[in-house]
Amino acid sequence: MKFSKIIAIVTDLRLSIQQAVRPTLMAIIKSPTLIFRPRALSRLFFYHVWTLFGPGLNSDTTEVKSNLITPYAKGIVLEIGAGLGHTALYLSPSRVRKYVALEPNVLMHPHIREAAAHVGFSEESQTLLILACGAEDWESIALAIGGQNRVDTIVSVLTLCSIPEPERTIKTLADKVLKDGGQFIFFEHVASKRPDVRFWQWFWSPIWKICFGGCVLDRPTDDYILRLENVWETSPAINGDEDRRGIWGLEGEDKEYLLWHQMGRLVKCSV
C-alpha cells in the first residue's frame, strides 16, 4: 500500500479540527457545563465538522445517489442519520408520501427542514417528520409513524459506520420497521477486503471516531447486511437498471482508499 494513501486521511483530520475546535471552545466558555455533557459536546463538535464536509460529499456523490435513491425510494421513506438533509434532494414527491428523517443531533434539524422544503416536504403538510431518537430505538420510530412495519423504504447514507450495535440495529429495523416487500437502500464506506488497507483503517479509527461523530473506518457494514440472508429476497447482484438489487461497489474507486465504499438495494421477503 502506498504511503501517500496511508496518510491522505490526515488532511481531513486536520481540516475537521480546524473547523470545529474554535466554535466548540467558544460554546464551552459560554456554557461551561458542556464539559460535563460529553454527548452534547461531541454532537456540537461534529455539527461544525459536518457543515464543512457534508455539502462537498453530497456534491461528489450526486450521480451515485441519483441512480441509487431517486428511482427506487417510495412510500414512507425512513432515513437513518439524516445529517444536513441532503437525501431529501434525491426523493421524488410524486413517489414519496412521507420523508421521515431520523437524526439524534438536533443541531442538524433546521438544515433538514430547509433541504426537505426545497423539494416540497414539510411538517405542516405532514410529508416530513423529523425524529431525534437513534436508529436503535425502533419502538420510538414505530410509535411516531403509527405502528410496526409501516415503512416502505429505509435509506442509509454514510451513517451505519457510527451507529451503536450496527448488526443488531439493521436486523431490528428490517424486522420491526420495514414492511414485507419494503426495500433497504444504502451507500456506506466499509471495511476493505484487502488486509493491508483494513489494517490502516483500524489504525486511524480511534482518532477518526473522535473527529467524525463516532465513525468507525473498519466496520464491515456490507457483511452485516448480507448476513441477514433470511430477511432479503434472493436475487442476482444486478437485475438490470430498472430493478437493480444486491450490493456493489463504486465504479473506478481506488482499492487503497481508506474510505472504500459499497452500496446496495435489498428487498425484504414477503410472508
C-alpha atoms as a PDB file:
ATOM      1  CA  MET A   1       0.000   0.000   0.000  1.00  0.00           C
ATOM      2  CA  LYS A   2       1.337   3.431  -0.948  1.00  0.00           C
ATOM      3  CA  PHE A   3       2.430   5.683   1.907  1.00  0.00           C
ATOM      4  CA  SER A   4       0.544   8.593   0.338  1.00  0.00           C
ATOM      5  CA  LYS A   5      -2.698   6.612   0.669  1.00  0.00           C
ATOM      6  CA  ILE A   6      -1.955   5.824   4.313  1.00  0.00           C
ATOM      7  CA  ILE A   7      -1.507   9.462   5.326  1.00  0.00           C
ATOM      8  CA  ALA A   8      -4.082  11.018   2.976  1.00  0.00           C
ATOM      9  CA  ILE A   9      -6.650  10.878   5.751  1.00  0.00           C
ATOM     10  CA  VAL A  10      -4.556  13.270   7.863  1.00  0.00           C
ATOM     11  CA  THR A  11      -5.741  16.188   5.726  1.00  0.00           C
ATOM     12  CA  ASP A  12      -9.373  15.506   6.627  1.00  0.00           C
ATOM     13  CA  LEU A  13      -8.478  15.150  10.301  1.00  0.00           C
ATOM     14  CA  ARG A  14      -6.633  18.474  10.246  1.00  0.00           C
ATOM     15  CA  LEU A  15      -9.488  20.256   8.490  1.00  0.00           C
ATOM     16  CA  SER A  16     -12.048  18.842  10.898  1.00  0.00           C
ATOM     17  CA  ILE A  17     -10.079  20.062  13.906  1.00  0.00           C
ATOM     18  CA  GLN A  18      -9.527  23.496  12.379  1.00  0.00           C
ATOM     19  CA  GLN A  19     -13.234  23.789  11.596  1.00  0.00           C
ATOM     20  CA  ALA A  20     -14.682  22.611  14.896  1.00  0.00           C
ATOM     21  CA  VAL A  21     -12.293  23.356  17.763  1.00  0.00           C
ATOM     22  CA  ARG A  22     -12.787  27.119  17.960  1.00  0.00           C
ATOM     23  CA  PRO A  23     -16.621  27.199  17.921  1.00  0.00           C
ATOM     24  CA  THR A  24     -16.704  24.271  20.342  1.00  0.00           C
ATOM     25  CA  LEU A  25     -14.389  26.074  22.782  1.00  0.00           C
ATOM     26  CA  MET A  26     -16.471  29.232  22.448  1.00  0.00           C
ATOM     27  CA  ALA A  27     -19.587  27.219  23.312  1.00  0.00           C
ATOM     28  CA  ILE A  28     -17.849  25.810  26.407  1.00  0.00           C
ATOM     29  CA  ILE A  29     -16.840  29.301  27.522  1.00  0.00           C
ATOM     30  CA  LYS A  30     -20.432  30.446  27.086  1.00  0.00           C
ATOM     31  CA  SER A  31     -21.833  27.353  28.830  1.00  0.00           C
ATOM     32  CA  PRO A  32     -19.152  25.648  30.991  1.00  0.00           C
ATOM     33  CA  THR A  33     -21.476  22.791  31.966  1.00  0.00           C
ATOM     34  CA  LEU A  34     -20.950  21.405  28.441  1.00  0.00           C
ATOM     35  CA  ILE A  35     -17.752  19.742  29.643  1.00  0.00           C
ATOM     36  CA  PHE A  36     -19.909  17.526  31.859  1.00  0.00           C
ATOM     37  CA  ARG A  37     -22.138  16.547  28.923  1.00  0.00           C
ATOM     38  CA  PRO A  38     -19.825  14.588  26.620  1.00  0.00           C
ATOM     39  CA  ARG A  39     -22.570  13.506  24.218  1.00  0.00           C
ATOM     40  CA  ALA A  40     -23.767  17.071  23.676  1.00  0.00           C
ATOM     41  CA  LEU A  41     -20.163  18.220  23.298  1.00  0.00           C
ATOM     42  CA  SER A  42     -19.437  15.519  20.712  1.00  0.00           C
ATOM     43  CA  ARG A  43     -22.551  16.403  18.724  1.00  0.00           C
ATOM     44  CA  LEU A  44     -21.668  20.076  18.759  1.00  0.00           C
ATOM     45  CA  PHE A  45     -18.155  19.344  17.510  1.00  0.00           C
ATOM     46  CA  PHE A  46     -19.422  17.034  14.767  1.00  0.00           C
ATOM     47  CA  TYR A  47     -22.077  19.527  13.706  1.00  0.00           C
ATOM     48  CA  HIS A  48     -19.350  22.007  12.850  1.00  0.00           C
ATOM     49  CA  VAL A  49     -17.318  19.292  11.120  1.00  0.00           C
ATOM     50  CA  TRP A  50     -20.235  18.150   9.007  1.00  0.00           C
ATOM     51  CA  THR A  51     -21.235  21.641   7.893  1.00  0.00           C
ATOM     52  CA  LEU A  52     -17.781  21.726   6.279  1.00  0.00           C
ATOM     53  CA  PHE A  53     -17.629  18.206   4.831  1.00  0.00           C
ATOM     54  CA  GLY A  54     -21.300  17.373   4.192  1.00  0.00           C
ATOM     55  CA  PRO A  55     -22.037  19.705   1.257  1.00  0.00           C
ATOM     56  CA  GLY A  56     -18.885  18.666  -0.606  1.00  0.00           C
ATOM     57  CA  LEU A  57     -19.551  14.972  -0.106  1.00  0.00           C
ATOM     58  CA  ASN A  58     -23.088  15.458  -1.348  1.00  0.00           C
ATOM     59  CA  SER A  59     -21.843  17.187  -4.495  1.00  0.00           C
ATOM     60  CA  ASP A  60     -19.240  14.478  -5.111  1.00  0.00           C
ATOM     61  CA  THR A  61     -21.841  11.700  -4.899  1.00  0.00           C
ATOM     62  CA  THR A  62     -24.758  13.338  -6.708  1.00  0.00           C
ATOM     63  CA  GLU A  63     -24.704  10.899  -9.615  1.00  0.00           C
ATOM     64  CA  VAL A  64     -24.376   7.868  -7.349  1.00  0.00           C
ATOM     65  CA  LYS A  65     -27.337   8.878  -5.177  1.00  0.00           C
ATOM     66  CA  SER A  66     -29.445   9.976  -8.128  1.00  0.00           C
ATOM     67  CA  ASN A  67     -29.122   6.469  -9.572  1.00  0.00           C
ATOM     68  CA  LEU A  68     -29.403   4.635  -6.261  1.00  0.00           C
ATOM     69  CA  ILE A  69     -32.124   6.530  -4.407  1.00  0.00           C
ATOM     70  CA  THR A  70     -34.313   8.532  -6.783  1.00  0.00           C
ATOM     71  CA  PRO A  71     -35.675   5.699  -8.981  1.00  0.00           C
ATOM     72  CA  TYR A  72     -36.482   3.403  -6.055  1.00  0.00           C
ATOM     73  CA  ALA A  73     -37.386   5.346  -2.898  1.00  0.00           C
ATOM     74  CA  LYS A  74     -41.153   5.372  -2.458  1.00  0.00           C
ATOM     75  CA  GLY A  75     -43.999   5.482   0.041  1.00  0.00           C
ATOM     76  CA  ILE A  76     -42.909   6.230   3.581  1.00  0.00           C
ATOM     77  CA  VAL A  77     -39.139   6.733   3.475  1.00  0.00           C
ATOM     78  CA  LEU A  78     -37.130   6.463   6.689  1.00  0.00           C
ATOM     79  CA  GLU A  79     -33.617   7.840   6.537  1.00  0.00           C
ATOM     80  CA  ILE A  80     -31.190   6.715   9.226  1.00  0.00           C
ATOM     81  CA  GLY A  81     -28.917   9.592  10.232  1.00  0.00           C
ATOM     82  CA  ALA A  82     -30.293  12.340   8.004  1.00  0.00           C
ATOM     83  CA  GLY A  83     -27.475  14.759   8.817  1.00  0.00           C
ATOM     84  CA  LEU A  84     -27.980  18.009   6.904  1.00  0.00           C
ATOM     85  CA  GLY A  85     -30.916  16.557   4.976  1.00  0.00           C
ATOM     86  CA  HIS A  86     -29.201  16.113   1.625  1.00  0.00           C
ATOM     87  CA  THR A  87     -31.014  12.844   0.897  1.00  0.00           C
ATOM     88  CA  ALA A  88     -34.295  14.751   0.661  1.00  0.00           C
ATOM     89  CA  LEU A  89     -32.961  16.293  -2.543  1.00  0.00           C
ATOM     90  CA  TYR A  90     -32.994  12.836  -4.162  1.00  0.00           C
ATOM     91  CA  LEU A  91     -36.588  11.995  -3.226  1.00  0.00           C
ATOM     92  CA  SER A  92     -39.426  12.465  -5.689  1.00  0.00           C
ATOM     93  CA  PRO A  93     -42.605  13.892  -4.095  1.00  0.00           C
ATOM     94  CA  SER A  94     -44.613  12.009  -6.729  1.00  0.00           C
ATOM     95  CA  ARG A  95     -43.299   8.700  -5.357  1.00  0.00           C
ATOM     96  CA  VAL A  96     -42.609   9.514  -1.689  1.00  0.00           C
ATOM     97  CA  ARG A  97     -45.608  10.058   0.591  1.00  0.00           C
ATOM     98  CA  LYS A  98     -43.623  11.000   3.685  1.00  0.00           C
ATOM     99  CA  TYR A  99     -39.962  11.601   4.455  1.00  0.00           C
ATOM    100  CA  VAL A 100     -39.067  10.502   7.999  1.00  0.00           C
ATOM    101  CA  ALA A 101     -35.662  11.921   8.906  1.00  0.00           C
ATOM    102  CA  LEU A 102     -34.001  10.194  11.842  1.00  0.00           C
ATOM    103  CA  GLU A 103     -31.302  12.451  13.306  1.00  0.00           C
ATOM    104  CA  PRO A 104     -30.278  12.424  17.001  1.00  0.00           C
ATOM    105  CA  ASN A 105     -28.216  15.598  16.581  1.00  0.00           C
ATOM    106  CA  VAL A 106     -30.862  18.322  16.894  1.00  0.00           C
ATOM    107  CA  LEU A 107     -28.416  20.945  15.613  1.00  0.00           C
ATOM    108  CA  MET A 108     -28.926  19.370  12.176  1.00  0.00           C
ATOM    109  CA  HIS A 109     -32.722  19.669  12.229  1.00  0.00           C
ATOM    110  CA  PRO A 110     -33.036  23.199  10.744  1.00  0.00           C
ATOM    111  CA  HIS A 111     -30.892  22.069   7.805  1.00  0.00           C
ATOM    112  CA  ILE A 112     -33.126  19.034   7.276  1.00  0.00           C
ATOM    113  CA  ARG A 113     -36.217  21.247   7.191  1.00  0.00           C
ATOM    114  CA  GLU A 114     -34.584  23.575   4.693  1.00  0.00           C
ATOM    115  CA  ALA A 115     -33.470  20.786   2.358  1.00  0.00           C
ATOM    116  CA  ALA A 116     -36.828  18.992   2.587  1.00  0.00           C
ATOM    117  CA  ALA A 117     -38.731  22.204   1.858  1.00  0.00           C
ATOM    118  CA  HIS A 118     -36.649  22.666  -1.273  1.00  0.00           C
ATOM    119  CA  VAL A 119     -38.336  19.622  -2.825  1.00  0.00           C
ATOM    120  CA  GLY A 120     -41.772  20.093  -1.248  1.00  0.00           C
ATOM    121  CA  PHE A 121     -41.713  18.153   2.030  1.00  0.00           C
ATOM    122  CA  SER A 122     -42.840  19.944   5.193  1.00  0.00           C
ATOM    123  CA  GLU A 123     -44.118  19.238   8.679  1.00  0.00           C
ATOM    124  CA  GLU A 124     -47.142  21.468   8.005  1.00  0.00           C
ATOM    125  CA  SER A 125     -48.243  19.230   5.117  1.00  0.00           C
ATOM    126  CA  GLN A 126     -47.386  16.110   7.156  1.00  0.00           C
ATOM    127  CA  THR A 127     -44.980  14.969   4.456  1.00  0.00           C
ATOM    128  CA  LEU A 128     -41.965  15.494   6.720  1.00  0.00           C
ATOM    129  CA  LEU A 129     -41.311  14.002  10.141  1.00  0.00           C
ATOM    130  CA  ILE A 130     -38.047  14.634  11.993  1.00  0.00           C
ATOM    131  CA  LEU A 131     -37.187  12.284  14.866  1.00  0.00           C
ATOM    132  CA  ALA A 132     -34.388  12.885  17.363  1.00  0.00           C
ATOM    133  CA  CYS A 133     -34.035   9.279  18.516  1.00  0.00           C
ATOM    134  CA  GLY A 134     -31.326   6.847  17.440  1.00  0.00           C
ATOM    135  CA  ALA A 135     -31.741   4.102  14.857  1.00  0.00           C
ATOM    136  CA  GLU A 136     -31.601   1.511  17.633  1.00  0.00           C
ATOM    137  CA  ASP A 137     -34.770   2.931  19.217  1.00  0.00           C
ATOM    138  CA  TRP A 138     -37.194   1.116  16.923  1.00  0.00           C
ATOM    139  CA  GLU A 139     -40.093   1.435  19.372  1.00  0.00           C
ATOM    140  CA  SER A 140     -39.983   5.249  19.252  1.00  0.00           C
ATOM    141  CA  ILE A 141     -39.791   5.108  15.460  1.00  0.00           C
ATOM    142  CA  ALA A 142     -42.773   2.753  15.232  1.00  0.00           C
ATOM    143  CA  LEU A 143     -44.782   4.884  17.649  1.00  0.00           C
ATOM    144  CA  ALA A 144     -44.104   8.037  15.630  1.00  0.00           C
ATOM    145  CA  ILE A 145     -45.157   6.507  12.303  1.00  0.00           C
ATOM    146  CA  GLY A 146     -48.244   4.732  13.596  1.00  0.00           C
ATOM    147  CA  GLY A 147     -47.109   1.176  14.208  1.00  0.00           C
ATOM    148  CA  GLN A 148     -44.698  -1.572  13.260  1.00  0.00           C
ATOM    149  CA  ASN A 149     -43.751  -2.475   9.691  1.00  0.00           C
ATOM    150  CA  ARG A 150     -45.098   0.728   8.146  1.00  0.00           C
ATOM    151  CA  VAL A 151     -42.003   1.909   6.265  1.00  0.00           C
ATOM    152  CA  ASP A 152     -41.715   1.239   2.535  1.00  0.00           C
ATOM    153  CA  THR A 153     -38.082   2.320   2.142  1.00  0.00           C
ATOM    154  CA  ILE A 154     -35.172   2.626   4.561  1.00  0.00           C
ATOM    155  CA  VAL A 155     -32.251   4.746   3.358  1.00  0.00           C
ATOM    156  CA  SER A 156     -28.813   4.972   4.942  1.00  0.00           C
ATOM    157  CA  VAL A 157     -26.092   7.233   3.542  1.00  0.00           C
ATOM    158  CA  LEU A 158     -22.745   7.252   5.376  1.00  0.00           C
ATOM    159  CA  THR A 159     -24.444   6.526   8.696  1.00  0.00           C
ATOM    160  CA  LEU A 160     -24.122   2.843   9.601  1.00  0.00           C
ATOM    161  CA  CYS A 161     -20.427   3.448  10.325  1.00  0.00           C
ATOM    162  CA  SER A 162     -21.353   5.310  13.501  1.00  0.00           C
ATOM    163  CA  ILE A 163     -24.487   3.764  14.999  1.00  0.00           C
ATOM    164  CA  PRO A 164     -24.179   1.523  18.088  1.00  0.00           C
ATOM    165  CA  GLU A 165     -24.575  -2.237  17.615  1.00  0.00           C
ATOM    166  CA  PRO A 166     -24.998  -1.905  13.833  1.00  0.00           C
ATOM    167  CA  GLU A 167     -25.699  -5.545  13.021  1.00  0.00           C
ATOM    168  CA  ARG A 168     -28.450  -5.808  15.620  1.00  0.00           C
ATOM    169  CA  THR A 169     -29.874  -2.405  14.664  1.00  0.00           C
ATOM    170  CA  ILE A 170     -30.077  -3.261  10.953  1.00  0.00           C
ATOM    171  CA  LYS A 171     -31.820  -6.554  11.717  1.00  0.00           C
ATOM    172  CA  THR A 172     -34.279  -4.938  14.125  1.00  0.00           C
ATOM    173  CA  LEU A 173     -35.194  -2.176  11.685  1.00  0.00           C
ATOM    174  CA  ALA A 174     -35.764  -4.781   8.987  1.00  0.00           C
ATOM    175  CA  ASP A 175     -37.863  -6.961  11.304  1.00  0.00           C
ATOM    176  CA  LYS A 176     -39.852  -4.305  13.160  1.00  0.00           C
ATOM    177  CA  VAL A 177     -39.997  -1.177  10.977  1.00  0.00           C
ATOM    178  CA  LEU A 178     -39.733  -2.196   7.316  1.00  0.00           C
ATOM    179  CA  LYS A 179     -42.777  -3.595   5.505  1.00  0.00           C
ATOM    180  CA  ASP A 180     -42.747  -7.002   3.869  1.00  0.00           C
ATOM    181  CA  GLY A 181     -41.644  -6.258   0.325  1.00  0.00           C
ATOM    182  CA  GLY A 182     -40.066  -2.985   1.507  1.00  0.00           C
ATOM    183  CA  GLN A 183     -36.561  -2.023   0.466  1.00  0.00           C
ATOM    184  CA  PHE A 184     -33.326  -1.177   2.216  1.00  0.00           C
ATOM    185  CA  ILE A 185     -31.080   1.214   0.257  1.00  0.00           C
ATOM    186  CA  PHE A 186     -27.611   2.149   1.454  1.00  0.00           C
ATOM    187  CA  PHE A 187     -24.403   3.909   0.441  1.00  0.00           C
ATOM    188  CA  GLU A 188     -21.658   3.433   3.035  1.00  0.00           C
ATOM    189  CA  HIS A 189     -17.900   3.330   3.422  1.00  0.00           C
ATOM    190  CA  VAL A 190     -16.926  -0.078   4.764  1.00  0.00           C
ATOM    191  CA  ALA A 191     -14.011  -2.246   5.821  1.00  0.00           C
ATOM    192  CA  SER A 192     -11.740  -3.022   2.894  1.00  0.00           C
ATOM    193  CA  LYS A 193     -11.400  -6.586   1.652  1.00  0.00           C
ATOM    194  CA  ARG A 194      -7.627  -6.031   1.465  1.00  0.00           C
ATOM    195  CA  PRO A 195      -5.845  -6.866   4.768  1.00  0.00           C
ATOM    196  CA  ASP A 196      -3.254  -4.083   4.353  1.00  0.00           C
ATOM    197  CA  VAL A 197      -5.890  -1.397   3.782  1.00  0.00           C
ATOM    198  CA  ARG A 198      -8.031  -2.782   6.557  1.00  0.00           C
ATOM    199  CA  PHE A 199      -5.091  -2.529   8.990  1.00  0.00           C
ATOM    200  CA  TRP A 200      -4.743   1.204   8.331  1.00  0.00           C
ATOM    201  CA  GLN A 201      -8.492   1.671   8.642  1.00  0.00           C
ATOM    202  CA  TRP A 202      -8.196   0.072  12.069  1.00  0.00           C
ATOM    203  CA  PHE A 203      -5.135   2.185  12.903  1.00  0.00           C
ATOM    204  CA  TRP A 204      -6.810   5.526  12.136  1.00  0.00           C
ATOM    205  CA  SER A 205     -10.261   4.689  13.516  1.00  0.00           C
ATOM    206  CA  PRO A 206      -9.737   5.824  17.158  1.00  0.00           C
ATOM    207  CA  ILE A 207      -8.887   9.430  16.252  1.00  0.00           C
ATOM    208  CA  TRP A 208     -11.235   9.486  13.246  1.00  0.00           C
ATOM    209  CA  LYS A 209     -14.050   8.383  15.530  1.00  0.00           C
ATOM    210  CA  ILE A 210     -13.473  11.383  17.807  1.00  0.00           C
ATOM    211  CA  CYS A 211     -13.498  13.909  14.974  1.00  0.00           C
ATOM    212  CA  PHE A 212     -16.280  12.402  12.864  1.00  0.00           C
ATOM    213  CA  GLY A 213     -19.136  11.627  15.210  1.00  0.00           C
ATOM    214  CA  GLY A 214     -18.238   8.074  16.179  1.00  0.00           C
ATOM    215  CA  CYS A 215     -17.485   6.900  12.640  1.00  0.00           C
ATOM    216  CA  VAL A 216     -15.583   3.592  12.501  1.00  0.00           C
ATOM    217  CA  LEU A 217     -13.468   3.170   9.363  1.00  0.00           C
ATOM    218  CA  ASP A 218     -13.080  -0.619   9.505  1.00  0.00           C
ATOM    219  CA  ARG A 219     -16.710  -1.574  10.073  1.00  0.00           C
ATOM    220  CA  PRO A 220     -17.825  -4.397   7.715  1.00  0.00           C
ATOM    221  CA  THR A 221     -21.298  -2.967   7.188  1.00  0.00           C
ATOM    222  CA  ASP A 222     -21.858  -4.746   3.884  1.00  0.00           C
ATOM    223  CA  ASP A 223     -21.136  -8.077   5.570  1.00  0.00           C
ATOM    224  CA  TYR A 224     -23.617  -7.287   8.348  1.00  0.00           C
ATOM    225  CA  ILE A 225     -26.322  -6.674   5.761  1.00  0.00           C
ATOM    226  CA  LEU A 226     -25.532  -9.804   3.753  1.00  0.00           C
ATOM    227  CA  ARG A 227     -25.627 -11.976   6.878  1.00  0.00           C
ATOM    228  CA  LEU A 228     -29.360 -11.289   7.100  1.00  0.00           C
ATOM    229  CA  GLU A 229     -29.870 -13.771   4.287  1.00  0.00           C
ATOM    230  CA  ASN A 230     -33.231 -14.910   5.624  1.00  0.00           C
ATOM    231  CA  VAL A 231     -34.523 -11.318   5.583  1.00  0.00           C
ATOM    232  CA  TRP A 232     -33.868 -10.380   1.951  1.00  0.00           C
ATOM    233  CA  GLU A 233     -35.316 -11.795  -1.234  1.00  0.00           C
ATOM    234  CA  THR A 234     -32.798 -13.877  -3.136  1.00  0.00           C
ATOM    235  CA  SER A 235     -31.814 -12.235  -6.393  1.00  0.00           C
ATOM    236  CA  PRO A 236     -28.829 -11.788  -8.696  1.00  0.00           C
ATOM    237  CA  ALA A 237     -26.459  -8.932  -7.852  1.00  0.00           C
ATOM    238  CA  ILE A 238     -27.803  -6.976 -10.799  1.00  0.00           C
ATOM    239  CA  ASN A 239     -31.233  -7.410 -12.394  1.00  0.00           C
ATOM    240  CA  GLY A 240     -30.879  -4.568 -14.887  1.00  0.00           C
ATOM    241  CA  ASP A 241     -31.061  -0.816 -14.479  1.00  0.00           C
ATOM    242  CA  GLU A 242     -34.802  -0.802 -13.755  1.00  0.00           C
ATOM    243  CA  ASP A 243     -34.608  -3.265 -10.869  1.00  0.00           C
ATOM    244  CA  ARG A 244     -31.081  -3.339  -9.543  1.00  0.00           C
ATOM    245  CA  ARG A 245     -30.659  -5.370  -6.365  1.00  0.00           C
ATOM    246  CA  GLY A 246     -27.816  -6.703  -4.278  1.00  0.00           C
ATOM    247  CA  ILE A 247     -24.599  -5.000  -3.171  1.00  0.00           C
ATOM    248  CA  TRP A 248     -21.997  -3.461  -5.444  1.00  0.00           C
ATOM    249  CA  GLY A 249     -19.046  -1.084  -5.339  1.00  0.00           C
ATOM    250  CA  LEU A 250     -18.319   2.402  -6.559  1.00  0.00           C
ATOM    251  CA  GLU A 251     -17.067   2.076 -10.125  1.00  0.00           C
ATOM    252  CA  GLY A 252     -13.436   3.084 -10.537  1.00  0.00           C
ATOM    253  CA  GLU A 253     -12.780   3.658  -6.831  1.00  0.00           C
ATOM    254  CA  ASP A 254      -9.186   3.152  -5.724  1.00  0.00           C
ATOM    255  CA  LYS A 255      -8.899  -0.111  -3.755  1.00  0.00           C
ATOM    256  CA  GLU A 256      -6.340   1.569  -1.467  1.00  0.00           C
ATOM    257  CA  TYR A 257      -8.757   4.315  -0.452  1.00  0.00           C
ATOM    258  CA  LEU A 258      -9.350   4.145   3.305  1.00  0.00           C
ATOM    259  CA  LEU A 259     -12.958   5.304   2.830  1.00  0.00           C
ATOM    260  CA  TRP A 260     -13.815   2.436   0.484  1.00  0.00           C
ATOM    261  CA  HIS A 261     -17.497   2.348  -0.465  1.00  0.00           C
ATOM    262  CA  GLN A 262     -20.208  -0.194  -1.058  1.00  0.00           C
ATOM    263  CA  MET A 263     -23.836   0.428  -1.900  1.00  0.00           C
ATOM    264  CA  GLY A 264     -26.917  -1.642  -2.440  1.00  0.00           C
ATOM    265  CA  ARG A 265     -30.617  -2.188  -2.609  1.00  0.00           C
ATOM    266  CA  LEU A 266     -32.253  -5.168  -0.939  1.00  0.00           C
ATOM    267  CA  VAL A 267     -35.900  -6.128  -0.783  1.00  0.00           C
ATOM    268  CA  LYS A 268     -37.437  -7.692   2.320  1.00  0.00           C
ATOM    269  CA  CYS A 269     -39.076 -11.079   1.861  1.00  0.00           C
ATOM    270  CA  SER A 270     -42.853 -11.122   1.858  1.00  0.00           C
ATOM    271  CA  VAL A 271     -44.527 -13.546   4.219  1.00  0.00           C
END
